Amino acid sequence: MQRFNFSEFELQYIADFDLKDKTYWDNTSEPMTSIRKKIRAHFLSDQNYQCCYCKMTKQEDHGLVWDVEHILPKILYPQFTFE
């Protein structure tokens, strides 16, 4: 798996995260929307458009039905949102 790299601007935005806000990921303003888009594009490509669990090939890339998976739910463990 390829390592994902954030830009300096993205890293600063992430550093401003208080590790407690359960809705930070769902923010609809910049730069969060572009960060989510960039993360999804990275993992879609890295996983060859396949679900990391069932290996089903994803036919769409618009991001509306593709979830970037987390081991722990963000709502319960917001401190790991960007991990």
Protein backbone atom coordinates (compact mmCIF):
# COMPACT_ATOMS: atom_id res chain seq x y z
CA MET A 1 0.00 0.00 0.00
CA GLN A 2 1.28 3.42 -0.94
CA ARG A 3 1.72 5.95 1.85
CA PHE A 4 -0.62 8.94 1.67
CA ASN A 5 1.06 12.33 1.96
CA PHE A 6 -0.66 15.54 2.96
CA SER A 7 0.47 18.99 1.77
CA GLU A 8 1.81 21.48 4.32
CA PHE A 9 -1.50 23.38 4.18
CA GLU A 10 -3.46 20.17 4.80
CA LEU A 11 -1.15 19.22 7.66
CA GLN A 12 -1.78 22.60 9.29
CA TYR A 13 -5.55 22.15 8.93
CA ILE A 14 -5.27 18.69 10.50
CA ALA A 15 -3.05 20.08 13.29
CA ASP A 16 -5.85 22.53 14.15
CA PHE A 17 -8.18 19.58 14.81
CA ASP A 18 -8.88 19.34 18.55
CA LEU A 19 -9.09 15.47 18.44
CA LYS A 20 -12.57 15.67 19.99
CA ASP A 21 -14.89 17.12 17.33
CA LYS A 22 -16.97 14.18 16.07
CA THR A 23 -18.15 16.20 13.04
CA TYR A 24 -14.77 17.53 11.82
CA TRP A 25 -14.62 14.97 8.99
CA ASP A 26 -18.09 15.98 7.77
CA ASN A 27 -17.25 19.67 7.40
CA THR A 28 -18.44 20.86 3.97
CA SER A 29 -16.01 23.76 3.58
CA GLU A 30 -12.47 23.91 2.29
CA PRO A 31 -9.99 22.48 2.87
CA MET A 32 -11.89 19.50 4.33
CA THR A 33 -13.79 18.76 1.12
CA SER A 34 -10.60 18.63 -0.94
CA ILE A 35 -8.83 16.53 1.73
CA ARG A 36 -11.65 13.95 1.65
CA LYS A 37 -11.62 13.91 -2.15
CA LYS A 38 -7.85 13.45 -2.23
CA ILE A 39 -7.96 10.62 0.35
CA ARG A 40 -10.74 8.80 -1.54
CA ALA A 41 -8.91 9.13 -4.87
CA HIS A 42 -5.73 7.79 -3.29
CA PHE A 43 -7.37 4.71 -1.80
CA LEU A 44 -9.55 4.01 -4.83
CA SER A 45 -6.41 3.84 -6.93
CA ASP A 46 -4.28 2.08 -4.31
CA GLN A 47 -6.95 -0.58 -3.76
CA ASN A 48 -7.48 -0.98 -7.52
CA TYR A 49 -11.12 0.10 -7.13
CA GLN A 50 -11.83 -2.87 -4.86
CA CYS A 51 -13.44 -2.98 -1.44
CA CYS A 52 -10.71 -3.67 1.10
CA TYR A 53 -12.97 -6.23 2.82
CA CYS A 54 -14.95 -8.18 0.20
CA LYS A 55 -12.76 -7.36 -2.86
CA MET A 56 -15.84 -6.35 -4.88
CA THR A 57 -14.84 -4.03 -7.70
CA LYS A 58 -16.30 -0.54 -7.38
CA GLN A 59 -17.63 0.74 -10.69
CA GLU A 60 -18.14 4.34 -9.61
CA ASP A 61 -15.67 6.97 -8.44
CA HIS A 62 -17.92 9.91 -7.54
CA GLY A 63 -17.46 9.27 -3.79
CA LEU A 64 -21.14 9.08 -2.91
CA VAL A 65 -21.12 5.36 -2.19
CA TRP A 66 -17.42 4.72 -1.58
CA ASP A 67 -16.39 4.85 2.06
CA VAL A 68 -12.82 5.30 3.16
CA GLU A 69 -12.66 2.68 5.85
CA HIS A 70 -11.54 3.16 9.39
CA ILE A 71 -10.77 0.41 11.88
CA LEU A 72 -12.45 2.40 14.65
CA PRO A 73 -15.60 4.49 14.05
CA LYS A 74 -14.81 8.21 13.88
CA ILE A 75 -17.91 9.04 15.89
CA LEU A 76 -16.54 7.09 18.89
CA TYR A 77 -12.83 7.78 18.37
CA PRO A 78 -12.52 11.23 16.74
CA GLN A 79 -8.88 11.46 17.79
CA PHE A 80 -8.04 8.91 15.07
CA THR A 81 -9.92 10.66 12.23
CA PHE A 82 -6.78 11.22 10.16
CA GLU A 83 -4.97 8.02 11.11
